Each structure stands twice: as structure tokens, then as C-alpha cells.
Amino acid sequence: MSQSASSASLLRWLRRLVGAEDEAPSPTVAPDDELSLATSQRRARRYADLGLPPALLEACSDEPLPVGDGRFVGREKQLEQWQAALVRWRDGRGEMQVVTGPPGSGITSLLQQMAGGVAGGEASHYGALNRRPADEADAVRLLGELLGLAEPRESVDALVDDLNSLSPRVFLVDNGHFLVSRMFGSHQAIRVFGGVMLATRQRHLWVLGCQEHAWRRLVYVHQADRDFDVPIETAFFSEAELGRCLAARLDRAGLLPGDAAEGKEKPAALHERPLSGLQKLSGGKCDLATFYFLNSLRVDPEDGQLRSEPLVELDFSVLNRLTPDELFTLTELAAHGPLHRSEHRRLFRTSVEETWLMLERLHQACLLVREDAAGDPEDDPTYRITPLFSAQISRRLGIANVLY
């Protein structure tokens, strides 16, 4: 997209494509409809069956955006905060920074852009936690691996000495919610990570990416806010940002019309309504807005052109029918990240059969994603909140007063 393209022009074109003439979504679909919550993820996997251009599907991927990706929009304030933190660190202030926000608000994408925004003469290293440390020794090993150290360290002191011998650099640690588990050993893991960061912060700039519920717990239990600077907070997109987000994806797919890309004015007939339908249904969550957007598109069999149909709201009534144990299971996952089946069993003190049935019910309802270990579904698979629905699930848990 041309740098001179105006957001207003792009928004006006998007209004036409998503059906500005009738923005209001149709009534909520019935639970047995193919677009209900129970089948929406399966529908998402069948986009290709709709005949949508492969370039559009690739451009609308919900994977985190790498450094320099043109689809990264709407985080100017956060990047300004980051540049200010870099200046303070260079002045010797001993910075520790946290990036926090609701799940699905783009924490990982922002961290990766931050890593790429470090000056050429300064080193940065991004690493993401992918599991909970089992104990203190495991936390030391895991942190060393996360920071790219070739050999494992035997103790916190050895790890601190090695880090302080390195040239100053920026360390960005993602998925901090793995440290805030209620599982046995989490306090040891937090002490290891926190101790290493504090002992080396005069030399290195530490950035922790952490979902908002986990960050609140770190503040409440461990007073983490005393050691970190003012949080860099992400949020779901505003209506204008959502328009920019979709426009950037259409531009990547090569589907943005030339006059819109050049910022030329559109006829007044395209000015009528904002993207209120997508904003209302998605709550500004980019991947969910993209899901609704793609589901509204069809390829005309006669001329091969993209046409839009009315937006259809997903049915989330299954969230109102969950048992207390299912609600608390979702709460644990929403606040502290994925769980192995064995971890769930120990945490909730259930039998093998009870845990299996509960997690599989939630999986079949598309509330959880199951990731099988080494391709074997019986080898202690991992379950996590379905990213697409994280905002709706967290909202329901808040209403039930089990997540706050």
C-alpha cells in the first residue's frame, strides 16, 4: 500500500466490500447451524472450499506478525512507549518492561516488532516460553535455553554471572503467563526468572510479555509492579484500526483497488456507514473480525468476482450451559495458559476418565484446541483456549465471577 494512502479512503472501500448498505448482522444463528460456535472452527478450515483466493487466505492468517510486516498497524502509542524505554535504558536506568493485554490483542506481534526496533549496534533476543517450569533447577535450564545460551547452567548465580559477562542487549520473554500457574513449583519459577532479571537489569533491558490476568496475579501476589516500569498495554482495535488492519491484509493479497491504494477519493455513495458490524461482532479482536469478514465473502460463479453477504453472528450460548467444573477449567486456561491432561488431573483432583471427558467436551464445543504430543492423541495432549474465541470466553468467565 502506498505510504500516501489515506485511512479514510481505505475505510470507505472496505465499507462497500463488507456490505455497507446493510451493516447489521442477521439474527444469531441456531446452535445446529453450520456457523454456530460448535462448528465455526471447522468452517474456518473450509475457507478454501468457498473458492476464496489463496493469497487472501494467506494474508488473513492469524499467526503473529514478524518484524517489518506491512499488516502490523495501530500500535503507534505502544511503539512510542518502547522507544522511550530504550532511551531510559541507554541512560543507565536499569529498565524492566512488561507488555500486557487481553489474549488475542497482539502481544506477540508487538514484541517481535519491538525486537526489530532496537538500534543496529545493539543486540536483541526474543524467546517464548512454551511450558511451565517444573522446579527451580528446571526454571534455570529453561531460562538459559530461552535466552539462547548454548550450555545449560547449574544455578541462578552461574546464570547471572554469564549474563553479566555479555555485551548489553535487549531480552524479550514472551508467554509470561506460564510462570503464574497454580501448579506446585510456580513460586520457585517466578523467583528464578525475577531474580535473574533483577540481578542483570543494570546491564540488560528485560521485556516480559504477559496476558493481563496473569500480570494482575503477578502484581497482587508478588508486587511485580514495584520492579517493572509502567506497562505497555495492548487492547483490541478501534473501528478505524480494524479498517486499517483489514485494508493491510487486502493489500498483501493484492486485492486492494488501485484508486484506494493511491488514496484517491471515492464517490459519496461509499461514505454511508462505518465498519460497525464487524466491530460489534468481533469487539475489535482482529482474528475474529477477519473470520467474520472471510465468512461473508463468496466468489460469484459467473464472473469470478468477490461478493459479500450479510454478516452472520456466531452463537455463543454454549458458554451459558457450562458446569462449574468446566468454568473453572476454562478459568485456569484463560489465566495461566495451556494445560496437559495430566496437569489438569492433578490440579482438579479428578480421575483419568473425568479429566478426559471434561476436556474433550470443551474441545468438541470448539472452546479448546487440543495439541497431541508427538502425533499420539493418547500421549498426554495439551489443551488451550481456542484463540479465536478468547475474548468471548474471558467475558463469560468474568460474568460468572470466576476470572477477574
Protein backbone atom coordinates (compact mmCIF):
# COMPACT_ATOMS: atom_id res chain seq x y z
CA MET A 1 0.00 0.00 0.00
CA SER A 2 1.32 3.46 -0.87
CA GLN A 3 2.53 5.47 2.10
CA SER A 4 0.26 8.29 0.93
CA ALA A 5 -2.88 6.18 1.16
CA SER A 6 -5.45 7.77 3.44
CA SER A 7 -7.18 5.70 6.10
CA ALA A 8 -10.47 7.35 5.19
CA SER A 9 -10.23 6.17 1.59
CA LEU A 10 -9.41 2.60 2.62
CA LEU A 11 -12.25 2.56 5.12
CA ARG A 12 -14.73 3.74 2.53
CA TRP A 13 -13.73 0.96 0.16
CA LEU A 14 -13.98 -1.62 2.94
CA ARG A 15 -17.46 -0.42 3.83
CA ARG A 16 -18.59 -1.30 0.34
CA LEU A 17 -16.92 -4.72 0.38
CA VAL A 18 -18.41 -5.81 3.71
CA GLY A 19 -21.87 -4.60 2.75
CA ALA A 20 -22.22 -1.03 3.95
CA GLU A 21 -25.78 -0.93 2.65
CA ASP A 22 -26.84 -3.36 5.40
CA GLU A 23 -24.23 -3.49 8.15
CA ALA A 24 -26.49 -5.02 10.80
CA PRO A 25 -25.78 -8.74 11.26
CA SER A 26 -28.51 -11.26 10.73
CA PRO A 27 -30.07 -12.83 13.84
CA THR A 28 -27.83 -15.11 15.87
CA VAL A 29 -27.58 -18.49 14.19
CA ALA A 30 -29.19 -21.51 15.81
CA PRO A 31 -26.89 -23.98 17.64
CA ASP A 32 -27.26 -26.57 14.88
CA ASP A 33 -26.43 -24.13 12.09
CA GLU A 34 -23.11 -24.72 10.34
CA LEU A 35 -21.91 -21.31 11.57
CA SER A 36 -22.69 -21.98 15.22
CA LEU A 37 -19.87 -21.97 17.75
CA ALA A 38 -19.67 -25.74 17.77
CA THR A 39 -18.70 -25.86 14.12
CA SER A 40 -17.22 -22.44 13.40
CA GLN A 41 -13.64 -23.62 13.69
CA ARG A 42 -14.37 -26.44 11.28
CA ARG A 43 -15.94 -23.89 8.95
CA ALA A 44 -12.77 -21.81 9.18
CA ARG A 45 -10.76 -24.74 7.86
CA ARG A 46 -13.00 -24.90 4.82
CA TYR A 47 -12.37 -21.39 3.52
CA ALA A 48 -10.63 -22.88 0.52
CA ASP A 49 -13.85 -24.73 -0.35
CA LEU A 50 -15.51 -21.35 -0.79
CA GLY A 51 -13.14 -20.60 -3.63
CA LEU A 52 -11.54 -17.62 -1.91
CA PRO A 53 -8.17 -16.63 -3.41
CA PRO A 54 -5.22 -18.41 -1.74
CA ALA A 55 -3.42 -15.08 -1.48
CA LEU A 56 -6.31 -13.70 0.59
CA LEU A 57 -6.27 -16.70 2.94
CA GLU A 58 -2.51 -16.33 3.41
CA ALA A 59 -2.81 -12.60 4.04
CA CYS A 60 -5.54 -13.20 6.65
CA SER A 61 -3.54 -15.76 8.62
CA ASP A 62 -3.82 -15.24 12.38
CA GLU A 63 -0.14 -16.07 13.01
CA PRO A 64 1.90 -13.41 14.89
CA LEU A 65 3.32 -10.80 12.51
CA PRO A 66 7.11 -10.78 12.03
CA VAL A 67 9.32 -7.69 12.06
CA GLY A 68 8.54 -5.28 9.27
CA ASP A 69 5.31 -6.96 8.20
CA GLY A 70 3.09 -4.40 6.48
CA ARG A 71 0.00 -5.85 8.16
CA PHE A 72 1.16 -4.57 11.55
CA VAL A 73 -0.95 -1.48 12.23
CA GLY A 74 -2.45 0.52 15.07
CA ARG A 75 0.27 0.33 17.72
CA GLU A 76 1.88 3.75 17.35
CA LYS A 77 1.41 4.70 21.02
CA GLN A 78 2.92 1.42 22.26
CA LEU A 79 5.94 1.77 19.98
CA GLU A 80 6.47 5.32 21.25
CA GLN A 81 6.48 3.96 24.82
CA TRP A 82 9.00 1.36 23.72
CA GLN A 83 11.34 3.93 22.20
CA ALA A 84 11.15 5.93 25.44
CA ALA A 85 12.05 2.80 27.43
CA LEU A 86 15.06 2.22 25.17
CA VAL A 87 16.24 5.78 25.81
CA ARG A 88 15.96 5.31 29.58
CA TRP A 89 17.86 2.02 29.38
CA ARG A 90 20.64 3.62 27.33
CA ASP A 91 20.86 6.31 30.02
CA GLY A 92 21.56 3.59 32.60
CA ARG A 93 18.23 3.48 34.41
CA GLY A 94 18.12 -0.32 34.74
CA GLU A 95 14.86 -0.81 32.87
CA MET A 96 12.44 -3.73 33.18
CA GLN A 97 9.39 -3.51 30.94
CA VAL A 98 6.18 -5.52 30.67
CA VAL A 99 3.84 -5.76 27.68
CA THR A 100 0.38 -6.85 28.74
CA GLY A 101 -3.15 -7.08 27.38
CA PRO A 102 -6.03 -9.47 26.80
CA PRO A 103 -5.38 -12.73 24.94
CA GLY A 104 -5.52 -12.16 21.22
CA SER A 105 -4.68 -8.46 21.39
CA GLY A 106 -1.34 -8.87 19.60
CA ILE A 107 1.23 -9.09 22.41
CA THR A 108 3.50 -11.46 20.46
CA SER A 109 3.33 -9.40 17.27
CA LEU A 110 4.18 -6.26 19.23
CA LEU A 111 7.12 -7.94 21.00
CA GLN A 112 8.54 -9.06 17.67
CA GLN A 113 8.25 -5.54 16.25
CA MET A 114 9.96 -4.23 19.39
CA ALA A 115 12.83 -6.67 18.94
CA GLY A 116 13.27 -5.43 15.39
CA GLY A 117 13.18 -1.81 16.52
CA VAL A 118 16.40 -1.99 18.51
CA ALA A 119 19.22 0.08 17.01
CA GLY A 120 21.59 -1.69 14.65
CA GLY A 121 24.51 -1.55 17.06
CA GLU A 122 22.52 -3.17 19.88
CA ALA A 123 21.65 -6.85 20.20
CA SER A 124 18.19 -8.19 20.97
CA HIS A 125 16.88 -11.68 21.61
CA TYR A 126 13.24 -12.80 21.52
CA GLY A 127 12.20 -16.07 23.16
CA ALA A 128 8.81 -17.54 24.06
CA LEU A 129 8.07 -19.85 26.96
CA ASN A 130 6.35 -22.99 25.72
CA ARG A 131 5.81 -24.81 29.01
CA ARG A 132 5.73 -24.39 32.78
CA PRO A 133 8.99 -24.94 34.65
CA ALA A 134 8.74 -27.99 36.90
CA ASP A 135 11.02 -26.73 39.69
CA GLU A 136 13.88 -24.31 40.38
CA ALA A 137 16.52 -26.30 38.51
CA ASP A 138 14.21 -26.71 35.53
CA ALA A 139 13.49 -22.98 35.58
CA VAL A 140 17.23 -22.23 35.38
CA ARG A 141 17.62 -24.60 32.43
CA LEU A 142 14.55 -23.27 30.68
CA LEU A 143 15.60 -19.64 31.06
CA GLY A 144 19.06 -20.44 29.68
CA GLU A 145 17.51 -22.11 26.65
CA LEU A 146 15.09 -19.23 26.22
CA LEU A 147 17.97 -16.75 26.12
CA GLY A 148 19.86 -18.76 23.53
CA LEU A 149 22.69 -19.97 25.78
CA ALA A 150 24.40 -22.99 24.24
CA GLU A 151 25.17 -24.82 27.50
CA PRO A 152 22.83 -25.32 30.50
CA ARG A 153 23.69 -23.54 33.74
CA GLU A 154 23.59 -25.30 37.08
CA SER A 155 22.44 -22.44 39.29
CA VAL A 156 20.94 -18.96 39.31
CA ASP A 157 24.32 -17.49 40.32
CA ALA A 158 26.07 -19.12 37.36
CA LEU A 159 23.35 -17.88 35.00
CA VAL A 160 23.60 -14.33 36.38
CA ASP A 161 27.41 -14.32 36.06
CA ASP A 162 27.24 -15.47 32.44
CA LEU A 163 24.58 -12.91 31.52
CA ASN A 164 26.51 -10.08 33.14
CA SER A 165 29.56 -11.05 31.08
CA LEU A 166 27.64 -10.48 27.84
CA SER A 167 27.51 -7.17 26.00
CA PRO A 168 24.36 -5.15 26.85
CA ARG A 169 21.31 -6.36 24.98
CA VAL A 170 17.54 -6.49 25.00
CA PHE A 171 15.88 -9.73 26.14
CA LEU A 172 12.20 -10.15 25.26
CA VAL A 173 10.47 -13.05 27.06
CA ASP A 174 7.03 -13.96 25.76
CA ASN A 175 4.22 -16.07 27.30
CA GLY A 176 4.92 -14.94 30.85
CA HIS A 177 1.60 -16.45 31.94
CA PHE A 178 3.37 -19.83 32.11
CA LEU A 179 5.07 -18.54 35.25
CA VAL A 180 1.80 -17.80 37.07
CA SER A 181 0.41 -21.32 37.24
CA ARG A 182 -1.25 -22.60 40.37
CA MET A 183 0.70 -25.82 39.89
CA PHE A 184 3.32 -26.72 42.52
CA GLY A 185 6.63 -25.02 41.76
CA SER A 186 5.36 -21.81 40.21
CA HIS A 187 6.71 -19.66 43.03
CA GLN A 188 10.19 -21.13 42.54
CA ALA A 189 9.99 -20.42 38.81
CA ILE A 190 8.93 -16.81 39.41
CA ARG A 191 11.78 -16.32 41.89
CA VAL A 192 14.29 -17.68 39.36
CA PHE A 193 13.10 -15.53 36.47
CA GLY A 194 12.56 -12.46 38.62
CA GLY A 195 15.87 -12.87 40.42
CA VAL A 196 17.85 -13.18 37.19
CA MET A 197 16.13 -10.16 35.68
CA LEU A 198 16.74 -8.00 38.77
CA ALA A 199 20.37 -9.09 39.08
CA THR A 200 21.17 -8.23 35.47
CA ARG A 201 18.93 -5.25 34.74
CA GLN A 202 21.75 -2.72 35.12
CA ARG A 203 23.29 -4.33 32.04
CA HIS A 204 20.37 -5.71 30.02
CA LEU A 205 16.89 -4.46 29.20
CA TRP A 206 14.27 -7.08 30.09
CA VAL A 207 10.82 -7.15 28.49
CA LEU A 208 8.18 -9.61 29.70
CA GLY A 209 5.12 -10.36 27.56
CA CYS A 210 2.27 -11.41 29.82
CA GLN A 211 -1.50 -11.70 29.40
CA GLU A 212 -3.40 -9.25 31.59
CA HIS A 213 -4.93 -11.79 34.01
CA ALA A 214 -1.52 -13.34 34.73
CA TRP A 215 0.05 -9.89 35.12
CA ARG A 216 -2.60 -8.92 37.66
CA ARG A 217 -1.76 -12.02 39.66
CA LEU A 218 1.97 -11.24 39.50
CA VAL A 219 1.20 -7.77 40.84
CA TYR A 220 -1.19 -8.99 43.52
CA VAL A 221 0.91 -11.90 44.83
CA HIS A 222 4.46 -10.81 44.05
CA GLN A 223 4.19 -6.99 43.81
CA ALA A 224 5.82 -7.16 40.37
CA ASP A 225 4.77 -3.59 39.60
CA ARG A 226 7.46 -2.33 42.01
CA ASP A 227 10.23 -3.59 39.72
CA PHE A 228 8.72 -3.02 36.26
CA ASP A 229 8.12 0.29 34.57
CA VAL A 230 4.63 1.46 33.57
CA PRO A 231 3.17 -1.37 31.48
CA ILE A 232 2.93 -1.11 27.72
CA GLU A 233 -0.69 -2.17 27.25
CA THR A 234 -2.26 -3.62 24.14
CA ALA A 235 -6.00 -3.55 23.53
CA PHE A 236 -8.44 -4.69 20.89
CA PHE A 237 -8.71 -2.48 17.84
CA SER A 238 -10.90 0.56 17.45
CA GLU A 239 -13.17 0.75 14.43
CA ALA A 240 -10.66 2.82 12.46
CA GLU A 241 -7.79 0.50 13.39
CA LEU A 242 -9.85 -2.51 12.38
CA GLY A 243 -10.37 -0.91 8.98
CA ARG A 244 -6.63 -0.36 8.62
CA CYS A 245 -5.99 -3.95 9.69
CA LEU A 246 -8.30 -5.38 7.02
CA ALA A 247 -7.03 -2.97 4.38
CA ALA A 248 -3.44 -4.05 5.07
CA ARG A 249 -4.41 -7.69 4.60
CA LEU A 250 -6.25 -6.98 1.37
CA ASP A 251 -3.25 -5.04 0.15
CA ARG A 252 -0.98 -8.01 0.95
CA ALA A 253 -3.34 -10.23 -1.06
CA GLY A 254 -3.22 -7.84 -3.99
CA LEU A 255 -6.96 -7.21 -3.76
CA LEU A 256 -6.97 -3.54 -2.81
CA PRO A 257 -8.22 -1.49 -5.76
CA GLY A 258 -5.65 0.85 -7.27
CA ASP A 259 -7.52 4.06 -6.57
CA ALA A 260 -7.97 3.13 -2.90
CA ALA A 261 -4.30 2.22 -2.59
CA GLU A 262 -3.34 5.59 -4.05
CA GLY A 263 -5.57 7.45 -1.62
CA LYS A 264 -7.93 8.84 -4.26
CA GLU A 265 -11.35 9.98 -3.17
CA LYS A 266 -14.31 7.64 -3.57
CA PRO A 267 -17.85 8.61 -4.62
CA ALA A 268 -20.05 9.93 -1.83
CA ALA A 269 -22.23 6.81 -2.06
CA LEU A 270 -19.46 4.83 -0.32
CA HIS A 271 -19.36 7.10 2.74
CA GLU A 272 -22.57 5.97 4.37
CA ARG A 273 -21.68 3.73 7.30
CA PRO A 274 -18.65 2.71 9.36
CA LEU A 275 -17.45 -0.86 9.90
CA SER A 276 -19.75 -1.06 12.90
CA GLY A 277 -20.97 -4.57 12.10
CA LEU A 278 -17.51 -6.15 12.23
CA GLN A 279 -16.52 -4.01 15.21
CA LYS A 280 -19.61 -5.04 17.18
CA LEU A 281 -19.33 -8.76 16.42
CA SER A 282 -15.58 -9.03 16.96
CA GLY A 283 -15.16 -6.49 19.76
CA GLY A 284 -12.12 -5.24 17.84
CA LYS A 285 -10.35 -8.62 18.02
CA CYS A 286 -8.54 -8.75 14.70
CA ASP A 287 -8.56 -12.51 14.10
CA LEU A 288 -12.28 -12.77 14.89
CA ALA A 289 -13.07 -9.79 12.65
CA THR A 290 -11.12 -11.48 9.87
CA PHE A 291 -13.07 -14.68 10.49
CA TYR A 292 -16.40 -12.87 10.10
CA PHE A 293 -15.08 -10.95 7.10
CA LEU A 294 -13.95 -14.07 5.22
CA ASN A 295 -17.18 -15.87 6.03
CA SER A 296 -19.13 -13.03 4.44
CA LEU A 297 -17.30 -13.37 1.12
CA ARG A 298 -18.32 -15.53 -1.83
CA VAL A 299 -16.93 -15.91 -5.32
CA ASP A 300 -19.52 -15.21 -7.99
CA PRO A 301 -19.56 -18.31 -10.24
CA GLU A 302 -20.40 -16.21 -13.30
CA ASP A 303 -17.69 -13.57 -13.26
CA GLY A 304 -15.32 -14.88 -10.55
CA GLN A 305 -15.60 -11.64 -8.57
CA LEU A 306 -15.78 -11.45 -4.78
CA ARG A 307 -19.22 -10.66 -3.41
CA SER A 308 -20.24 -10.05 0.17
CA GLU A 309 -23.19 -11.49 2.05
CA PRO A 310 -24.64 -10.19 5.34
CA LEU A 311 -22.53 -10.86 8.40
CA VAL A 312 -23.82 -13.80 10.45
CA GLU A 313 -23.30 -13.71 14.21
CA LEU A 314 -21.85 -16.79 15.89
CA ASP A 315 -23.90 -18.43 18.61
CA PHE A 316 -22.05 -18.45 21.96
CA SER A 317 -24.91 -19.81 24.06
CA VAL A 318 -22.86 -22.93 24.84
CA LEU A 319 -20.92 -20.74 27.28
CA ASN A 320 -24.08 -20.31 29.35
CA ARG A 321 -24.53 -24.07 29.68
CA LEU A 322 -21.15 -24.92 31.19
CA THR A 323 -20.90 -26.72 34.52
CA PRO A 324 -18.94 -25.14 37.42
CA ASP A 325 -16.04 -27.55 36.84
CA GLU A 326 -15.95 -26.62 33.16
CA LEU A 327 -15.98 -22.91 34.03
CA PHE A 328 -13.07 -23.34 36.44
CA THR A 329 -11.17 -25.38 33.85
CA LEU A 330 -11.57 -22.57 31.33
CA THR A 331 -10.56 -20.07 34.01
CA GLU A 332 -7.30 -21.90 34.69
CA LEU A 333 -6.53 -21.99 30.97
CA ALA A 334 -7.53 -18.36 30.39
CA ALA A 335 -5.43 -17.05 33.26
CA HIS A 336 -2.37 -19.31 33.15
CA GLY A 337 -2.07 -20.81 29.70
CA PRO A 338 -2.28 -24.34 28.26
CA LEU A 339 -2.57 -27.46 30.39
CA HIS A 340 -1.54 -31.04 29.80
CA ARG A 341 -4.22 -33.59 30.57
CA SER A 342 -2.09 -34.89 33.46
CA GLU A 343 -1.70 -31.36 34.89
CA HIS A 344 -5.46 -30.86 34.81
CA ARG A 345 -5.97 -34.14 36.64
CA ARG A 346 -3.56 -33.18 39.43
CA LEU A 347 -4.83 -29.64 39.72
CA PHE A 348 -8.53 -30.52 39.84
CA ARG A 349 -8.06 -33.90 41.57
CA THR A 350 -10.18 -35.78 39.07
CA SER A 351 -9.90 -39.28 37.71
CA VAL A 352 -8.35 -40.04 34.33
CA GLU A 353 -11.81 -40.59 32.85
CA GLU A 354 -13.32 -37.41 34.34
CA THR A 355 -10.49 -35.25 33.04
CA TRP A 356 -10.65 -36.83 29.59
CA LEU A 357 -14.41 -36.36 29.30
CA MET A 358 -14.36 -32.75 30.51
CA LEU A 359 -11.53 -31.60 28.26
CA GLU A 360 -12.91 -33.44 25.24
CA ARG A 361 -16.38 -31.92 25.75
CA LEU A 362 -14.82 -28.47 25.74
CA HIS A 363 -12.73 -29.41 22.73
CA GLN A 364 -15.74 -30.67 20.77
CA ALA A 365 -17.54 -27.41 21.56
CA CYS A 366 -14.56 -25.59 19.95
CA LEU A 367 -13.77 -23.81 23.22
CA LEU A 368 -10.42 -25.62 23.48
CA VAL A 369 -7.77 -26.59 20.98
CA ARG A 370 -6.10 -29.97 21.53
CA GLU A 371 -2.46 -30.41 20.59
CA ASP A 372 -1.41 -34.04 20.55
CA ALA A 373 2.08 -34.90 21.76
CA ALA A 374 4.29 -36.37 19.03
CA GLY A 375 1.20 -37.09 16.96
CA ASP A 376 -0.14 -39.54 19.56
CA PRO A 377 -3.54 -38.46 20.96
CA GLU A 378 -3.09 -40.75 23.95
CA ASP A 379 0.29 -39.33 24.98
CA ASP A 380 -0.82 -36.57 27.38
CA PRO A 381 -2.08 -33.97 24.90
CA THR A 382 -2.14 -30.25 25.69
CA TYR A 383 -5.31 -28.14 25.70
CA ARG A 384 -5.52 -24.38 25.32
CA ILE A 385 -8.24 -21.79 24.87
CA THR A 386 -9.27 -21.50 21.23
CA PRO A 387 -7.51 -18.25 20.26
CA LEU A 388 -10.36 -17.10 18.03
CA PHE A 389 -12.83 -17.09 20.93
CA SER A 390 -10.56 -15.98 23.80
CA ALA A 391 -12.32 -12.64 24.28
CA GLN A 392 -15.82 -14.16 24.41
CA ILE A 393 -14.66 -16.87 26.80
CA SER A 394 -12.94 -14.39 29.12
CA ARG A 395 -16.03 -12.18 29.09
CA ARG A 396 -18.26 -15.10 30.11
CA LEU A 397 -15.86 -16.10 32.89
CA GLY A 398 -15.89 -12.54 34.16
CA ILE A 399 -19.70 -12.51 34.24
CA ALA A 400 -19.58 -15.79 36.21
CA ASN A 401 -17.20 -14.06 38.67
CA VAL A 402 -14.51 -16.74 38.27
CA LEU A 403 -11.99 -14.64 36.30
CA TYR A 404 -11.09 -11.14 37.43
